[in-house]
Structures are given as structure tokens and as C-alpha cells.
PDB file of all heavy atoms in Angstrom:
ATOM      1  N   GLN A   1      61.749  87.564 -75.113  1.00  0.00           N
ATOM      2  CA  GLN A   1      62.570  88.149 -76.167  1.00  0.00           C
ATOM      3  C   GLN A   1      63.610  87.155 -76.674  1.00  0.00           C
ATOM      4  O   GLN A   1      63.867  87.066 -77.885  1.00  0.00           O
ATOM      5  CB  GLN A   1      63.250  89.415 -75.650  1.00  0.00           C
ATOM      6  CG  GLN A   1      62.292  90.560 -75.388  1.00  0.00           C
ATOM      7  CD  GLN A   1      62.990  91.768 -74.812  1.00  0.00           C
ATOM      8  OE1 GLN A   1      64.174  91.718 -74.459  1.00  0.00           O
ATOM      9  NE2 GLN A   1      62.272  92.893 -74.714  1.00  0.00           N
ATOM     10  N   GLU A   2      64.209  86.408 -75.762  1.00  0.00           N
ATOM     11  CA  GLU A   2      65.189  85.405 -76.167  1.00  0.00           C
ATOM     12  C   GLU A   2      64.540  84.309 -77.005  1.00  0.00           C
ATOM     13  O   GLU A   2      65.102  83.867 -78.011  1.00  0.00           O
ATOM     14  CB  GLU A   2      65.840  84.795 -74.929  1.00  0.00           C
ATOM     15  CG  GLU A   2      66.940  83.784 -75.235  1.00  0.00           C
ATOM     16  CD  GLU A   2      67.578  83.243 -73.981  1.00  0.00           C
ATOM     17  OE1 GLU A   2      67.213  83.710 -72.881  1.00  0.00           O
ATOM     18  OE2 GLU A   2      68.444  82.369 -74.090  1.00  0.00           O
ATOM     19  N   LYS A   3      63.340  83.893 -76.615  1.00  0.00           N
ATOM     20  CA  LYS A   3      62.616  82.879 -77.370  1.00  0.00           C
ATOM     21  C   LYS A   3      62.259  83.382 -78.759  1.00  0.00           C
ATOM     22  O   LYS A   3      62.388  82.659 -79.753  1.00  0.00           O
ATOM     23  CB  LYS A   3      61.355  82.469 -76.626  1.00  0.00           C
ATOM     24  CG  LYS A   3      60.555  81.374 -77.307  1.00  0.00           C
ATOM     25  CD  LYS A   3      59.327  81.008 -76.492  1.00  0.00           C
ATOM     26  CE  LYS A   3      58.511  79.926 -77.191  1.00  0.00           C
ATOM     27  NZ  LYS A   3      57.294  79.584 -76.399  1.00  0.00           N
ATOM     28  N   ALA A   4      61.820  84.652 -78.843  1.00  0.00           N
ATOM     29  CA  ALA A   4      61.481  85.232 -80.144  1.00  0.00           C
ATOM     30  C   ALA A   4      62.712  85.338 -81.030  1.00  0.00           C
ATOM     31  O   ALA A   4      62.645  85.102 -82.241  1.00  0.00           O
ATOM     32  CB  ALA A   4      60.844  86.611 -79.952  1.00  0.00           C
ATOM     33  N   THR A   5      63.862  85.687 -80.430  1.00  0.00           N
ATOM     34  CA  THR A   5      65.104  85.789 -81.201  1.00  0.00           C
ATOM     35  C   THR A   5      65.521  84.430 -81.750  1.00  0.00           C
ATOM     36  O   THR A   5      65.931  84.308 -82.906  1.00  0.00           O
ATOM     37  CB  THR A   5      66.221  86.368 -80.326  1.00  0.00           C
ATOM     38  OG1 THR A   5      65.820  87.642 -79.822  1.00  0.00           O
ATOM     39  CG2 THR A   5      67.503  86.520 -81.128  1.00  0.00           C
ATOM     40  N   VAL A   6      65.395  83.390 -80.912  1.00  0.00           N
ATOM     41  CA  VAL A   6      65.742  82.037 -81.362  1.00  0.00           C
ATOM     42  C   VAL A   6      64.829  81.587 -82.484  1.00  0.00           C
ATOM     43  O   VAL A   6      65.271  81.013 -83.493  1.00  0.00           O
ATOM     44  CB  VAL A   6      65.683  81.065 -80.166  1.00  0.00           C
ATOM     45  CG1 VAL A   6      65.844  79.627 -80.653  1.00  0.00           C
ATOM     46  CG2 VAL A   6      66.756  81.404 -79.156  1.00  0.00           C
ATOM     47  N   GLU A   7      63.524  81.844 -82.346  1.00  0.00           N
ATOM     48  CA  GLU A   7      62.585  81.455 -83.394  1.00  0.00           C
ATOM     49  C   GLU A   7      62.853  82.213 -84.680  1.00  0.00           C
ATOM     50  O   GLU A   7      62.765  81.645 -85.765  1.00  0.00           O
ATOM     51  CB  GLU A   7      61.158  81.708 -82.917  1.00  0.00           C
ATOM     52  CG  GLU A   7      60.716  80.781 -81.786  1.00  0.00           C
ATOM     53  CD  GLU A   7      59.313  81.090 -81.315  1.00  0.00           C
ATOM     54  OE1 GLU A   7      58.757  82.120 -81.779  1.00  0.00           O
ATOM     55  OE2 GLU A   7      58.778  80.317 -80.507  1.00  0.00           O
ATOM     56  N   LYS A   8      63.174  83.500 -84.557  1.00  0.00           N
ATOM     57  CA  LYS A   8      63.467  84.292 -85.749  1.00  0.00           C
ATOM     58  C   LYS A   8      64.724  83.802 -86.447  1.00  0.00           C
ATOM     59  O   LYS A   8      64.787  83.703 -87.676  1.00  0.00           O
ATOM     60  CB  LYS A   8      63.614  85.764 -85.357  1.00  0.00           C
ATOM     61  CG  LYS A   8      63.805  86.698 -86.536  1.00  0.00           C
ATOM     62  CD  LYS A   8      63.867  88.140 -86.074  1.00  0.00           C
ATOM     63  CE  LYS A   8      64.049  89.078 -87.256  1.00  0.00           C
ATOM     64  NZ  LYS A   8      64.117  90.505 -86.801  1.00  0.00           N
ATOM     65  N   THR A   9      65.750  83.464 -85.656  1.00  0.00           N
ATOM     66  CA  THR A   9      66.994  82.946 -86.230  1.00  0.00           C
ATOM     67  C   THR A   9      66.765  81.602 -86.902  1.00  0.00           C
ATOM     68  O   THR A   9      67.277  81.339 -87.995  1.00  0.00           O
ATOM     69  CB  THR A   9      68.063  82.812 -85.132  1.00  0.00           C
ATOM     70  OG1 THR A   9      68.239  84.067 -84.486  1.00  0.00           O
ATOM     71  CG2 THR A   9      69.384  82.349 -85.727  1.00  0.00           C
ATOM     72  N   SER A  10      65.974  80.750 -86.272  1.00  0.00           N
ATOM     73  CA  SER A  10      65.681  79.435 -86.843  1.00  0.00           C
ATOM     74  C   SER A  10      64.893  79.577 -88.134  1.00  0.00           C
ATOM     75  O   SER A  10      65.132  78.864 -89.107  1.00  0.00           O
ATOM     76  CB  SER A  10      64.908  78.581 -85.837  1.00  0.00           C
ATOM     77  OG  SER A  10      65.653  78.413 -84.649  1.00  0.00           O
ATOM     78  N   ALA A  11      63.931  80.514 -88.125  1.00  0.00           N
ATOM     79  CA  ALA A  11      63.128  80.715 -89.327  1.00  0.00           C
ATOM     80  C   ALA A  11      63.975  81.261 -90.469  1.00  0.00           C
ATOM     81  O   ALA A  11      63.767  80.911 -91.635  1.00  0.00           O
ATOM     82  CB  ALA A  11      61.980  81.674 -89.026  1.00  0.00           C
ATOM     83  N   ALA A  12      64.942  82.118 -90.129  1.00  0.00           N
ATOM     84  CA  ALA A  12      65.816  82.664 -91.172  1.00  0.00           C
ATOM     85  C   ALA A  12      66.753  81.598 -91.723  1.00  0.00           C
ATOM     86  O   ALA A  12      67.073  81.581 -92.910  1.00  0.00           O
ATOM     87  CB  ALA A  12      66.630  83.835 -90.621  1.00  0.00           C
ATOM     88  N   ALA A  13      67.199  80.697 -90.857  1.00  0.00           N
ATOM     89  CA  ALA A  13      68.110  79.639 -91.308  1.00  0.00           C
ATOM     90  C   ALA A  13      67.376  78.538 -92.053  1.00  0.00           C
ATOM     91  O   ALA A  13      67.956  77.871 -92.909  1.00  0.00           O
ATOM     92  CB  ALA A  13      68.838  79.039 -90.106  1.00  0.00           C
ATOM     93  N   ARG A  14      66.092  78.359 -91.740  1.00  0.00           N
ATOM     94  CA  ARG A  14      65.317  77.300 -92.383  1.00  0.00           C
ATOM     95  C   ARG A  14      64.707  77.824 -93.664  1.00  0.00           C
ATOM     96  O   ARG A  14      64.071  78.864 -93.672  1.00  0.00           O
ATOM     97  CB  ARG A  14      64.209  76.829 -91.440  1.00  0.00           C
ATOM     98  CG  ARG A  14      63.403  75.670 -91.980  1.00  0.00           C
ATOM     99  CD  ARG A  14      62.422  75.173 -90.932  1.00  0.00           C
ATOM    100  NE  ARG A  14      61.497  76.210 -90.509  1.00  0.00           N
ATOM    101  CZ  ARG A  14      61.528  76.797 -89.331  1.00  0.00           C
ATOM    102  NH1 ARG A  14      62.438  76.481 -88.441  1.00  0.00           N
ATOM    103  NH2 ARG A  14      60.629  77.733 -89.007  1.00  0.00           N
ATOM    104  N   PRO A  15      64.880  77.148 -94.807  1.00  0.00           N
ATOM    105  CA  PRO A  15      64.296  77.629 -96.055  1.00  0.00           C
ATOM    106  C   PRO A  15      62.784  77.636 -95.975  1.00  0.00           C
ATOM    107  O   PRO A  15      62.179  76.732 -95.420  1.00  0.00           O
ATOM    108  CB  PRO A  15      64.803  76.609 -97.101  1.00  0.00           C
ATOM    109  CG  PRO A  15      65.160  75.406 -96.312  1.00  0.00           C
ATOM    110  CD  PRO A  15      65.602  75.883 -94.973  1.00  0.00           C
ATOM    111  N   THR A  16      62.151  78.651 -96.510  1.00  0.00           N
ATOM    112  CA  THR A  16      60.707  78.747 -96.514  1.00  0.00           C
ATOM    113  C   THR A  16      60.133  77.926 -97.654  1.00  0.00           C
ATOM    114  O   THR A  16      60.833  77.402 -98.512  1.00  0.00           O
ATOM    115  CB  THR A  16      60.283  80.210 -96.686  1.00  0.00           C
ATOM    116  OG1 THR A  16      60.757  80.682 -97.957  1.00  0.00           O
ATOM    117  CG2 THR A  16      60.899  81.067 -95.587  1.00  0.00           C
ATOM    118  N   ASP A  17      58.799  77.853 -97.646  1.00  0.00           N
ATOM    119  CA  ASP A  17      58.123  77.070 -98.675  1.00  0.00           C
ATOM    120  C   ASP A  17      58.347  77.651-100.058  1.00  0.00           C
ATOM    121  O   ASP A  17      58.216  76.960-101.059  1.00  0.00           O
ATOM    122  CB  ASP A  17      56.619  76.996 -98.380  1.00  0.00           C
ATOM    123  CG  ASP A  17      56.333  76.157 -97.147  1.00  0.00           C
ATOM    124  OD1 ASP A  17      57.214  75.352 -96.784  1.00  0.00           O
ATOM    125  OD2 ASP A  17      55.248  76.316 -96.561  1.00  0.00           O
ATOM    126  N   ARG A  18      58.666  78.946-100.115  1.00  0.00           N
ATOM    127  CA  ARG A  18      58.798  79.583-101.417  1.00  0.00           C
ATOM    128  C   ARG A  18      60.255  79.753-101.834  1.00  0.00           C
ATOM    129  O   ARG A  18      60.552  80.451-102.774  1.00  0.00           O
ATOM    130  CB  ARG A  18      58.096  80.949-101.398  1.00  0.00           C
ATOM    131  CG  ARG A  18      56.586  80.813-101.258  1.00  0.00           C
ATOM    132  CD  ARG A  18      55.909  82.165-101.340  1.00  0.00           C
ATOM    133  NE  ARG A  18      54.472  82.016-101.331  1.00  0.00           N
ATOM    134  CZ  ARG A  18      53.731  81.854-102.425  1.00  0.00           C
ATOM    135  NH1 ARG A  18      54.304  81.832-103.598  1.00  0.00           N
ATOM    136  NH2 ARG A  18      52.418  81.737-102.343  1.00  0.00           N
ATOM    137  N   THR A  19      61.176  79.151-101.128  1.00  0.00           N
ATOM    138  CA  THR A  19      62.584  79.210-101.492  1.00  0.00           C
ATOM    139  C   THR A  19      62.925  78.033-102.391  1.00  0.00           C
ATOM    140  O   THR A  19      62.586  76.901-102.082  1.00  0.00           O
ATOM    141  CB  THR A  19      63.478  79.189-100.242  1.00  0.00           C
ATOM    142  OG1 THR A  19      63.137  80.305 -99.418  1.00  0.00           O
ATOM    143  CG2 THR A  19      64.933  79.252-100.626  1.00  0.00           C
ATOM    144  N   LEU A  20      63.600  78.304-103.487  1.00  0.00           N
ATOM    145  CA  LEU A  20      63.890  77.277-104.480  1.00  0.00           C
ATOM    146  C   LEU A  20      65.378  77.284-104.815  1.00  0.00           C
ATOM    147  O   LEU A  20      65.934  78.322-105.174  1.00  0.00           O
ATOM    148  CB  LEU A  20      63.066  77.523-105.751  1.00  0.00           C
ATOM    149  CG  LEU A  20      63.354  76.593-106.940  1.00  0.00           C
ATOM    150  CD1 LEU A  20      62.916  75.175-106.615  1.00  0.00           C
ATOM    151  CD2 LEU A  20      62.650  77.093-108.191  1.00  0.00           C
ATOM    152  N   ASP A  21      66.005  76.129-104.685  1.00  0.00           N
ATOM    153  CA  ASP A  21      67.372  75.956-105.161  1.00  0.00           C
ATOM    154  C   ASP A  21      67.273  75.616-106.644  1.00  0.00           C
ATOM    155  O   ASP A  21      67.268  74.452-107.032  1.00  0.00           O
ATOM    156  CB  ASP A  21      68.073  74.850-104.373  1.00  0.00           C
ATOM    157  CG  ASP A  21      69.547  74.745-104.713  1.00  0.00           C
ATOM    158  OD1 ASP A  21      69.994  75.430-105.668  1.00  0.00           O
ATOM    159  OD2 ASP A  21      70.260  73.975-104.044  1.00  0.00           O
ATOM    160  N   PHE A  22      67.162  76.659-107.480  1.00  0.00           N
ATOM    161  CA  PHE A  22      66.811  76.448-108.887  1.00  0.00           C
ATOM    162  C   PHE A  22      67.891  75.674-109.645  1.00  0.00           C
ATOM    163  O   PHE A  22      67.578  74.886-110.526  1.00  0.00           O
ATOM    164  CB  PHE A  22      66.526  77.788-109.576  1.00  0.00           C
ATOM    165  CG  PHE A  22      67.593  78.824-109.409  1.00  0.00           C
ATOM    166  CD1 PHE A  22      68.683  78.857-110.246  1.00  0.00           C
ATOM    167  CD2 PHE A  22      67.492  79.787-108.416  1.00  0.00           C
ATOM    168  CE1 PHE A  22      69.664  79.817-110.104  1.00  0.00           C
ATOM    169  CE2 PHE A  22      68.463  80.764-108.267  1.00  0.00           C
ATOM    170  CZ  PHE A  22      69.557  80.780-109.115  1.00  0.00           C
ATOM    171  N   ALA A  23      69.151  75.882-109.287  1.00  0.00           N
ATOM    172  CA  ALA A  23      70.216  75.157-109.988  1.00  0.00           C
ATOM    173  C   ALA A  23      70.126  73.665-109.704  1.00  0.00           C
ATOM    174  O   ALA A  23      70.263  72.830-110.615  1.00  0.00           O
ATOM    175  CB  ALA A  23      71.572  75.708-109.582  1.00  0.00           C
ATOM    176  N   ALA A  24      69.876  73.299-108.436  1.00  0.00           N
ATOM    177  CA  ALA A  24      69.770  71.881-108.082  1.00  0.00           C
ATOM    178  C   ALA A  24      68.557  71.244-108.725  1.00  0.00           C
ATOM    179  O   ALA A  24      68.613  70.105-109.199  1.00  0.00           O
ATOM    180  CB  ALA A  24      69.711  71.737-106.560  1.00  0.00           C
ATOM    181  N   VAL A  25      67.436  71.963-108.757  1.00  0.00           N
ATOM    182  CA  VAL A  25      66.220  71.421-109.384  1.00  0.00           C
ATOM    183  C   VAL A  25      66.437  71.229-110.874  1.00  0.00           C
ATOM    184  O   VAL A  25      66.017  70.211-111.454  1.00  0.00           O
ATOM    185  CB  VAL A  25      65.031  72.356-109.117  1.00  0.00           C
ATOM    186  CG1 VAL A  25      63.798  71.910-109.921  1.00  0.00           C
ATOM    187  CG2 VAL A  25      64.695  72.367-107.636  1.00  0.00           C
ATOM    188  N   ALA A  26      67.083  72.181-111.526  1.00  0.00           N
ATOM    189  CA  ALA A  26      67.343  72.060-112.964  1.00  0.00           C
ATOM    190  C   ALA A  26      68.207  70.843-113.261  1.00  0.00           C
ATOM    191  O   ALA A  26      67.929  70.068-114.188  1.00  0.00           O
ATOM    192  CB  ALA A  26      68.011  73.329-113.484  1.00  0.00           C
ATOM    193  N   ARG A  27      69.256  70.634-112.461  1.00  0.00           N
ATOM    194  CA  ARG A  27      70.119  69.472-112.679  1.00  0.00           C
ATOM    195  C   ARG A  27      69.361  68.169-112.435  1.00  0.00           C
ATOM    196  O   ARG A  27      69.559  67.186-113.151  1.00  0.00           O
ATOM    197  CB  ARG A  27      71.343  69.566-111.765  1.00  0.00           C
ATOM    198  CG  ARG A  27      72.320  70.665-112.142  1.00  0.00           C
ATOM    199  CD  ARG A  27      73.631  70.510-111.395  1.00  0.00           C
ATOM    200  NE  ARG A  27      73.442  70.673-109.966  1.00  0.00           N
ATOM    201  CZ  ARG A  27      73.591  71.830-109.319  1.00  0.00           C
ATOM    202  NH1 ARG A  27      73.911  72.929-109.997  1.00  0.00           N
ATOM    203  NH2 ARG A  27      73.423  71.899-108.008  1.00  0.00           N
ATOM    204  N   LYS A  28      68.502  68.159-111.415  1.00  0.00           N
ATOM    205  CA  LYS A  28      67.731  66.953-111.114  1.00  0.00           C
ATOM    206  C   LYS A  28      66.779  66.610-112.263  1.00  0.00           C
ATOM    207  O   LYS A  28      66.644  65.446-112.652  1.00  0.00           O
ATOM    208  CB  LYS A  28      66.940  67.147-109.827  1.00  0.00           C
ATOM    209  CG  LYS A  28      66.155  65.922-109.387  1.00  0.00           C
ATOM    210  CD  LYS A  28      65.275  66.219-108.198  1.00  0.00           C
ATOM    211  CE  LYS A  28      66.101  66.569-106.980  1.00  0.00           C
ATOM    212  NZ  LYS A  28      65.246  66.761-105.768  1.00  0.00           N
ATOM    213  N   LEU A  29      66.121  67.630-112.825  1.00  0.00           N
ATOM    214  CA  LEU A  29      65.201  67.383-113.939  1.00  0.00           C
ATOM    215  C   LEU A  29      65.943  66.859-115.162  1.00  0.00           C
ATOM    216  O   LEU A  29      65.456  65.953-115.858  1.00  0.00           O
ATOM    217  CB  LEU A  29      64.467  68.674-114.283  1.00  0.00           C
ATOM    218  CG  LEU A  29      63.420  69.156-113.271  1.00  0.00           C
ATOM    219  CD1 LEU A  29      62.933  70.552-113.629  1.00  0.00           C
ATOM    220  CD2 LEU A  29      62.253  68.182-113.213  1.00  0.00           C
ATOM    221  N   VAL A  30      67.111  67.413-115.425  1.00  0.00           N
ATOM    222  CA  VAL A  30      67.888  66.959-116.591  1.00  0.00           C
ATOM    223  C   VAL A  30      68.378  65.532-116.377  1.00  0.00           C
ATOM    224  O   VAL A  30      68.381  64.717-117.316  1.00  0.00           O
ATOM    225  CB  VAL A  30      69.063  67.926-116.849  1.00  0.00           C
ATOM    226  CG1 VAL A  30      69.987  67.368-117.943  1.00  0.00           C
ATOM    227  CG2 VAL A  30      68.537  69.302-117.251  1.00  0.00           C
ATOM    228  N   ARG A  31      68.789  65.185-115.155  1.00  0.00           N
ATOM    229  CA  ARG A  31      69.265  63.822-114.891  1.00  0.00           C
ATOM    230  C   ARG A  31      68.173  62.789-115.126  1.00  0.00           C
ATOM    231  O   ARG A  31      68.473  61.640-115.494  1.00  0.00           O
ATOM    232  CB  ARG A  31      69.783  63.715-113.456  1.00  0.00           C
ATOM    233  CG  ARG A  31      71.139  64.332-113.222  1.00  0.00           C
ATOM    234  CD  ARG A  31      71.761  63.819-111.927  1.00  0.00           C
ATOM    235  NE  ARG A  31      70.896  64.039-110.786  1.00  0.00           N
ATOM    236  CZ  ARG A  31      70.950  65.128-110.005  1.00  0.00           C
ATOM    237  NH1 ARG A  31      71.825  66.075-110.282  1.00  0.00           N
ATOM    238  NH2 ARG A  31      70.139  65.256-108.971  1.00  0.00           N
ATOM    239  N   ARG A  32      66.935  63.158-114.903  1.00  0.00           N
ATOM    240  CA  ARG A  32      65.835  62.211-115.065  1.00  0.00           C
ATOM    241  C   ARG A  32      65.467  61.966-116.524  1.00  0.00           C
ATOM    242  O   ARG A  32      64.676  61.068-116.809  1.00  0.00           O
ATOM    243  CB  ARG A  32      64.604  62.711-114.304  1.00  0.00           C
ATOM    244  CG  ARG A  32      64.757  62.632-112.791  1.00  0.00           C
ATOM    245  CD  ARG A  32      63.550  63.179-112.089  1.00  0.00           C
ATOM    246  NE  ARG A  32      63.659  63.014-110.641  1.00  0.00           N
ATOM    247  CZ  ARG A  32      62.781  63.507-109.766  1.00  0.00           C
ATOM    248  NH1 ARG A  32      61.733  64.187-110.206  1.00  0.00           N
ATOM    249  NH2 ARG A  32      62.954  63.308-108.473  1.00  0.00           N
ATOM    250  N   ILE A  33      66.021  62.748-117.423  1.00  0.00           N
ATOM    251  CA  ILE A  33      65.753  62.553-118.850  1.00  0.00           C
ATOM    252  C   ILE A  33      66.776  61.571-119.407  1.00  0.00           C
ATOM    253  O   ILE A  33      67.981  61.790-119.295  1.00  0.00           O
ATOM    254  CB  ILE A  33      65.830  63.884-119.612  1.00  0.00           C
ATOM    255  CG1 ILE A  33      64.848  64.907-119.010  1.00  0.00           C
ATOM    256  CG2 ILE A  33      65.558  63.667-121.089  1.00  0.00           C
ATOM    257  CD1 ILE A  33      63.416  64.486-119.077  1.00  0.00           C
ATOM    258  N   PRO A  34      66.333  60.452-120.015  1.00  0.00           N
ATOM    259  CA  PRO A  34      67.288  59.501-120.603  1.00  0.00           C
ATOM    260  C   PRO A  34      68.103  60.164-121.717  1.00  0.00           C
ATOM    261  O   PRO A  34      67.599  61.025-122.448  1.00  0.00           O
ATOM    262  CB  PRO A  34      66.388  58.389-121.153  1.00  0.00           C
ATOM    263  CG  PRO A  34      65.098  58.522-120.400  1.00  0.00           C
ATOM    264  CD  PRO A  34      64.945  59.988-120.121  1.00  0.00           C
ATOM    265  N   GLU A  35      69.362  59.757-121.835  1.00  0.00           N
ATOM    266  CA  GLU A  35      70.241  60.373-122.836  1.00  0.00           C
ATOM    267  C   GLU A  35      69.786  60.078-124.255  1.00  0.00           C
ATOM    268  O   GLU A  35      70.036  60.864-125.162  1.00  0.00           O
ATOM    269  CB  GLU A  35      71.681  59.880-122.628  1.00  0.00           C
ATOM    270  CG  GLU A  35      72.306  60.366-121.322  1.00  0.00           C
ATOM    271  CD  GLU A  35      73.761  59.982-121.213  1.00  0.00           C
ATOM    272  OE1 GLU A  35      74.269  59.320-122.155  1.00  0.00           O
ATOM    273  OE2 GLU A  35      74.398  60.336-120.210  1.00  0.00           O
ATOM    274  N   ASN A  36      69.145  58.942-124.451  1.00  0.00           N
ATOM    275  CA  ASN A  36      68.677  58.592-125.796  1.00  0.00           C
ATOM    276  C   ASN A  36      67.212  58.953-126.012  1.00  0.00           C
ATOM    277  O   ASN A  36      66.553  58.434-126.901  1.00  0.00           O
ATOM    278  CB  ASN A  36      68.873  57.094-126.047  1.00  0.00           C
ATOM    279  CG  ASN A  36      68.133  56.246-125.015  1.00  0.00           C
ATOM    280  OD1 ASN A  36      67.634  56.768-124.016  1.00  0.00           O
ATOM    281  ND2 ASN A  36      68.057  54.947-125.271  1.00  0.00           N
ATOM    282  N   ALA A  37      66.663  59.858-125.186  1.00  0.00           N
ATOM    283  CA  ALA A  37      65.251  60.223-125.289  1.00  0.00           C
ATOM    284  C   ALA A  37      64.993  60.979-126.577  1.00  0.00           C
ATOM    285  O   ALA A  37      65.830  61.738-127.072  1.00  0.00           O
ATOM    286  CB  ALA A  37      64.841  61.067-124.089  1.00  0.00           C
TER     287      ALA A  37
END
């Protein structure tokens, strides 16, 4: 039970494959566009 609790807590703290920091991704995409494009 303790091992399952630790794994569950770790999984909750670790972002899943489908979690997206959309604000950070948007800023990163805009930074990659040259200002004179």
C-alpha cells in the first residue's frame, strides 16, 4: 500500500504525456518567428 501510494503521488506530480503547458509553448513558437518575417 505504501509503494502504491508513492507511485500514485509520483504519477500525479509528474506531468503526463497529454499535459501541455500551452502558454509556454505559445511563447516558444512566437520566439522562433523572426521579427522581420
